[in-house]
Amino acid sequence: MPGYRKISGLSALVDPFDLFLIDQFGVLHDGTRPYDGTIDCLEKLKANGKCVILLSNSGKRAVDNVSRLAHLGFSRELFDDVVTSGEVAWHSIIDRSFGDPFVPGRNMFVVGHDDHDYGFEKLGVRLVEDPTSADFILIAASLAPKMSLEQYREILTEAAAAGTPALCCNPDRLMLTTAGLQPSAGEIASLYARLGGEVRFVGKPYPAMYIFALRQHSPFDPARTLAIGDSIEHDIRGGFNANLSTALVRTGLCYGLSDDALMTKLAAWDASPEFVLPGLFWE
């Protein structure tokens, strides 16, 4: 496996790159507050004329993430755009790019937060309360630890056996919570696949996410685009598969890993970033 270059901050990469695709949770913040240095780093990137797109596996639409970022202290001037897997899924249903049954006019059961509007009803998708009466299942979020994987198994087993397909718009398997690492929506989707259900994934590391982000901000050269994240499975593999340079930050999912443990994880996913830095610092 090729080695990576350790750097202390993004100031070392300001010249070779014009577009920065930066993950949110685990890179910019921990869900409750910004990590030290992240706001300053974004300010410096913008001061140097760089384009910054926040690329997130959130099952919610981009506008919801902008609001959350503002609440956490990230002003709108710090980034050019937010692209979420939920946003990509929403547009994919509009343009029917995933084909039937992931199209307007169909019945959908949502695995997610009951108090959140994911915006699909505006497209003519009908929400149902029973997964066995759905044409497809949207797996957008996990309620762990309030809800266990075994409870999700009980809810979804019959629909999987009936052949109801699922669309997962948050491929993350793990999420950081106040109770520690918990199974995220991607793990529920994997459970559904183990039950025999068909699952289509939207988000990192899958191509549609990067195609959408780059299309929104063309003409950027992929050779001058850097994907930054804390997940080897999603951010690093996704950037590599999209033919982009990648940088891994040792916050979030990589917090506290020794160099040996990091190399073991990189080998397990057959992925190696070009750069590794301790956090999203400028220098």
Protein backbone atom coordinates (compact mmCIF):
# COMPACT_ATOMS: atom_id res chain seq x y z
CA MET A 1 0.00 0.00 0.00
CA PRO A 2 1.43 3.41 -0.91
CA GLY A 3 2.39 5.63 1.99
CA TYR A 4 0.84 8.94 2.87
CA ARG A 5 2.32 12.33 3.57
CA LYS A 6 1.77 13.78 7.03
CA ILE A 7 0.97 17.48 7.09
CA SER A 8 0.08 19.80 9.97
CA GLY A 9 -2.54 21.85 8.13
CA LEU A 10 -4.20 22.76 4.84
CA SER A 11 -1.91 25.72 4.19
CA ALA A 12 0.47 23.16 2.71
CA LEU A 13 -2.14 22.27 0.06
CA VAL A 14 -3.52 25.67 -0.86
CA ASP A 15 -1.51 25.94 -4.08
CA PRO A 16 -2.17 22.54 -5.76
CA PHE A 17 -5.94 22.50 -5.14
CA ASP A 18 -8.83 24.81 -6.08
CA LEU A 19 -11.86 22.79 -4.90
CA PHE A 20 -12.13 21.30 -1.41
CA LEU A 21 -14.82 18.70 -0.69
CA ILE A 22 -15.01 18.58 3.11
CA ASP A 23 -16.99 16.18 5.26
CA GLN A 24 -19.01 17.66 8.13
CA PHE A 25 -19.55 15.41 11.15
CA GLY A 26 -16.24 14.28 12.63
CA VAL A 27 -14.26 16.82 10.59
CA LEU A 28 -15.82 20.25 11.17
CA HIS A 29 -17.67 19.45 14.40
CA ASP A 30 -18.66 16.72 16.84
CA GLY A 31 -22.39 17.35 16.60
CA THR A 32 -22.40 19.85 19.46
CA ARG A 33 -19.59 22.31 18.72
CA PRO A 34 -16.92 23.07 16.11
CA TYR A 35 -13.55 21.39 16.48
CA ASP A 36 -10.72 23.76 17.32
CA GLY A 37 -9.32 25.43 14.23
CA THR A 38 -12.05 24.46 11.75
CA ILE A 39 -13.71 27.85 11.40
CA ASP A 40 -10.33 29.55 11.03
CA CYS A 41 -9.33 27.02 8.38
CA LEU A 42 -12.49 27.63 6.35
CA GLU A 43 -11.94 31.37 6.62
CA LYS A 44 -8.40 30.97 5.30
CA LEU A 45 -9.53 28.78 2.40
CA LYS A 46 -12.09 31.38 1.34
CA ALA A 47 -9.57 34.22 1.78
CA ASN A 48 -7.33 32.36 -0.67
CA GLY A 49 -10.14 32.19 -3.24
CA LYS A 50 -10.83 28.48 -2.87
CA CYS A 51 -14.18 26.80 -3.50
CA VAL A 52 -15.42 24.86 -0.48
CA ILE A 53 -18.23 22.30 -0.76
CA LEU A 54 -19.35 20.48 2.36
CA LEU A 55 -20.04 16.90 1.33
CA SER A 56 -22.11 14.95 3.83
CA ASN A 57 -23.78 11.56 4.10
CA SER A 58 -26.69 13.21 5.89
CA GLY A 59 -30.06 11.81 4.87
CA LYS A 60 -31.54 15.30 5.21
CA ARG A 61 -31.63 17.88 2.43
CA ALA A 62 -28.92 20.52 2.10
CA VAL A 63 -31.02 23.39 3.49
CA ASP A 64 -31.47 21.52 6.77
CA ASN A 65 -27.72 21.05 7.07
CA VAL A 66 -27.07 24.75 6.39
CA SER A 67 -29.40 25.62 9.26
CA ARG A 68 -27.68 23.18 11.59
CA LEU A 69 -24.25 24.49 10.66
CA ALA A 70 -25.38 28.05 11.40
CA HIS A 71 -26.59 26.90 14.81
CA LEU A 72 -23.14 25.40 15.45
CA GLY A 73 -21.39 28.66 14.51
CA PHE A 74 -20.55 28.09 10.83
CA SER A 75 -21.71 31.16 8.91
CA ARG A 76 -22.87 30.80 5.29
CA GLU A 77 -19.86 32.77 4.05
CA LEU A 78 -17.51 29.95 5.07
CA PHE A 79 -18.56 27.59 2.27
CA ASP A 80 -19.89 27.74 -1.27
CA ASP A 81 -22.34 24.87 -1.09
CA VAL A 82 -23.57 21.88 0.89
CA VAL A 83 -24.23 18.60 -0.89
CA THR A 84 -25.87 15.83 1.11
CA SER A 85 -26.76 12.28 0.17
CA GLY A 86 -30.36 13.18 1.03
CA GLU A 87 -30.23 16.01 -1.51
CA VAL A 88 -28.81 13.73 -4.20
CA ALA A 89 -31.52 11.13 -3.48
CA TRP A 90 -34.22 13.83 -3.67
CA HIS A 91 -33.02 14.99 -7.09
CA SER A 92 -32.60 11.40 -8.30
CA ILE A 93 -36.28 10.75 -7.61
CA ILE A 94 -37.23 13.91 -9.49
CA ASP A 95 -35.25 12.92 -12.58
CA ARG A 96 -36.12 9.21 -12.19
CA SER A 97 -32.45 8.27 -12.56
CA PHE A 98 -32.86 5.22 -10.30
CA GLY A 99 -35.90 3.96 -12.21
CA ASP A 100 -39.08 2.45 -10.82
CA PRO A 101 -40.13 2.29 -7.98
CA PHE A 102 -37.91 5.21 -6.88
CA VAL A 103 -40.11 7.73 -8.68
CA PRO A 104 -42.87 10.24 -7.83
CA GLY A 105 -46.31 8.78 -7.18
CA ARG A 106 -45.12 5.71 -5.28
CA ASN A 107 -45.64 4.69 -1.63
CA MET A 108 -42.61 5.10 0.65
CA PHE A 109 -41.90 3.98 4.22
CA VAL A 110 -39.25 6.05 6.00
CA VAL A 111 -36.65 4.70 8.40
CA GLY A 112 -35.57 7.91 10.06
CA HIS A 113 -36.63 10.59 12.50
CA ASP A 114 -40.39 10.75 12.95
CA ASP A 115 -40.33 14.51 13.53
CA HIS A 116 -38.39 15.31 10.36
CA ASP A 117 -39.76 16.14 6.93
CA TYR A 118 -37.34 14.69 4.37
CA GLY A 119 -39.11 16.59 1.60
CA PHE A 120 -40.22 13.68 -0.57
CA GLU A 121 -43.95 14.36 -0.21
CA LYS A 122 -43.36 17.54 -2.20
CA LEU A 123 -42.39 15.27 -5.10
CA GLY A 124 -45.68 13.39 -4.98
CA VAL A 125 -44.27 10.44 -3.03
CA ARG A 126 -46.86 9.12 -0.56
CA LEU A 127 -45.68 8.28 2.97
CA VAL A 128 -47.04 5.11 4.56
CA GLU A 129 -46.79 3.88 8.13
CA ASP A 130 -46.46 0.17 7.34
CA PRO A 131 -43.36 -1.04 5.43
CA THR A 132 -45.34 -3.95 3.95
CA SER A 133 -47.61 -1.47 2.10
CA ALA A 134 -44.68 0.51 0.64
CA ASP A 135 -43.37 0.36 -2.91
CA PHE A 136 -39.94 1.22 -1.53
CA ILE A 137 -38.27 1.98 1.79
CA LEU A 138 -36.16 5.08 2.42
CA ILE A 139 -33.40 4.46 4.98
CA ALA A 140 -32.37 7.96 6.01
CA ALA A 141 -31.33 7.85 9.67
CA SER A 142 -30.87 5.65 12.71
CA LEU A 143 -32.44 6.22 16.12
CA ALA A 144 -29.72 4.25 17.95
CA PRO A 145 -29.25 3.84 20.85
CA LYS A 146 -32.97 4.49 21.49
CA MET A 147 -33.76 1.84 18.89
CA SER A 148 -31.70 -1.31 18.45
CA LEU A 149 -30.80 -3.21 15.30
CA GLU A 150 -32.96 -6.06 16.56
CA GLN A 151 -35.96 -3.72 16.65
CA TYR A 152 -35.22 -2.62 13.11
CA ARG A 153 -35.00 -6.28 12.13
CA GLU A 154 -38.50 -6.89 13.49
CA ILE A 155 -39.91 -3.91 11.59
CA LEU A 156 -38.26 -4.69 8.25
CA THR A 157 -38.13 -8.50 7.98
CA GLU A 158 -41.50 -8.93 6.28
CA ALA A 159 -40.87 -6.17 3.71
CA ALA A 160 -37.46 -7.64 2.84
CA ALA A 161 -39.01 -11.09 2.38
CA ALA A 162 -41.64 -9.55 0.09
CA GLY A 163 -38.93 -8.08 -2.13
CA THR A 164 -39.58 -4.41 -1.35
CA PRO A 165 -36.48 -2.47 -2.46
CA ALA A 166 -34.80 0.13 -0.25
CA LEU A 167 -33.01 3.40 -0.98
CA CYS A 168 -30.38 4.26 1.64
CA CYS A 169 -29.48 7.95 1.58
CA ASN A 170 -27.01 7.75 4.46
CA PRO A 171 -24.45 4.97 3.86
CA ASP A 172 -22.53 5.64 7.12
CA ARG A 173 -22.38 2.46 9.18
CA LEU A 174 -21.35 4.19 12.41
CA MET A 175 -22.22 7.53 13.97
CA LEU A 176 -20.78 9.47 16.87
CA THR A 177 -23.26 10.01 19.70
CA THR A 178 -23.10 11.02 23.35
CA ALA A 179 -23.39 7.28 24.05
CA GLY A 180 -20.34 6.56 21.87
CA LEU A 181 -20.28 4.94 18.43
CA GLN A 182 -23.68 3.62 17.39
CA PRO A 183 -25.01 1.90 14.24
CA SER A 184 -26.05 4.44 11.64
CA ALA A 185 -28.40 4.21 8.66
CA GLY A 186 -25.86 2.35 6.55
CA GLU A 187 -25.80 -0.47 9.08
CA ILE A 188 -29.60 -0.69 8.98
CA ALA A 189 -29.37 -0.89 5.19
CA SER A 190 -26.78 -3.68 5.49
CA LEU A 191 -29.14 -5.48 7.86
CA TYR A 192 -31.93 -5.13 5.30
CA ALA A 193 -29.67 -6.64 2.64
CA ARG A 194 -28.85 -9.55 4.97
CA LEU A 195 -32.59 -10.11 5.37
CA GLY A 196 -32.78 -10.52 1.60
CA GLY A 197 -33.85 -7.01 0.64
CA GLU A 198 -32.43 -5.13 -2.34
CA VAL A 199 -30.68 -1.89 -1.36
CA ARG A 200 -29.51 1.01 -3.50
CA PHE A 201 -27.06 3.35 -1.77
CA VAL A 202 -26.70 7.10 -2.33
CA GLY A 203 -23.78 9.01 -0.81
CA LYS A 204 -20.10 8.56 -0.18
CA PRO A 205 -18.33 6.42 -1.41
CA TYR A 206 -20.77 5.95 -4.34
CA PRO A 207 -20.23 7.83 -7.64
CA ALA A 208 -23.54 9.76 -7.85
CA MET A 209 -22.53 11.92 -4.87
CA TYR A 210 -19.34 13.16 -6.51
CA ILE A 211 -20.89 13.53 -9.95
CA PHE A 212 -23.62 15.72 -8.46
CA ALA A 213 -21.18 17.87 -6.46
CA LEU A 214 -18.78 18.43 -9.34
CA ARG A 215 -21.60 19.12 -11.79
CA GLN A 216 -22.95 21.85 -9.52
CA HIS A 217 -19.62 23.64 -9.60
CA SER A 218 -18.08 22.95 -12.99
CA PRO A 219 -15.67 23.57 -14.55
CA PHE A 220 -13.38 22.33 -11.78
CA ASP A 221 -10.51 20.04 -12.65
CA PRO A 222 -10.68 16.74 -10.71
CA ALA A 223 -6.88 16.81 -10.59
CA ARG A 224 -7.12 20.03 -8.54
CA THR A 225 -9.86 18.75 -6.22
CA LEU A 226 -9.20 17.45 -2.70
CA ALA A 227 -11.67 15.29 -0.75
CA ILE A 228 -11.25 15.54 3.03
CA GLY A 229 -12.84 13.33 5.69
CA ASP A 230 -12.47 11.18 8.79
CA SER A 231 -13.93 7.97 7.32
CA ILE A 232 -11.63 5.65 5.40
CA GLU A 233 -14.60 3.63 4.16
CA HIS A 234 -16.57 6.60 2.85
CA ASP A 235 -14.44 9.73 2.41
CA ILE A 236 -11.14 8.19 1.35
CA ARG A 237 -12.52 5.33 -0.76
CA GLY A 238 -15.10 7.64 -2.28
CA GLY A 239 -12.58 10.29 -3.25
CA PHE A 240 -10.20 7.69 -4.63
CA ASN A 241 -12.95 6.04 -6.70
CA ALA A 242 -13.85 9.48 -8.09
CA ASN A 243 -10.20 9.98 -9.15
CA LEU A 244 -9.68 12.76 -6.61
CA SER A 245 -6.84 13.41 -4.19
CA THR A 246 -7.77 12.65 -0.59
CA ALA A 247 -6.81 13.79 2.90
CA LEU A 248 -7.68 11.98 6.13
CA VAL A 249 -8.16 13.93 9.36
CA ARG A 250 -7.50 12.15 12.64
CA THR A 251 -10.61 13.45 14.37
CA GLY A 252 -14.05 11.85 14.45
CA LEU A 253 -13.86 8.17 13.51
CA CYS A 254 -10.04 8.27 13.48
CA TYR A 255 -9.63 10.01 16.82
CA GLY A 256 -7.02 8.39 19.05
CA LEU A 257 -5.80 5.86 16.49
CA SER A 258 -2.11 5.02 16.65
CA ASP A 259 -0.12 4.98 13.41
CA ASP A 260 -0.15 1.17 13.45
CA ALA A 261 -3.90 1.02 14.03
CA LEU A 262 -4.44 3.52 11.23
CA MET A 263 -2.37 1.43 8.80
CA THR A 264 -4.39 -1.66 9.77
CA LYS A 265 -7.64 0.16 8.97
CA LEU A 266 -6.27 1.45 5.68
CA ALA A 267 -5.22 -2.07 4.70
CA ALA A 268 -8.65 -3.45 5.66
CA TRP A 269 -10.37 -1.05 3.25
CA ASP A 270 -7.60 -1.20 0.63
CA ALA A 271 -7.54 2.59 0.64
CA SER A 272 -4.82 5.09 1.34
CA PRO A 273 -5.09 8.89 1.48
CA GLU A 274 -2.41 11.03 -0.08
CA PHE A 275 -2.32 13.22 3.03
CA VAL A 276 -3.00 12.76 6.74
CA LEU A 277 -3.39 15.66 9.17
CA PRO A 278 -4.32 15.81 12.87
CA GLY A 279 -7.44 17.90 12.24
CA LEU A 280 -8.86 20.53 9.93
CA PHE A 281 -6.19 23.08 10.84
CA TRP A 282 -4.68 25.75 8.62
CA GLU A 283 -1.10 25.29 9.84
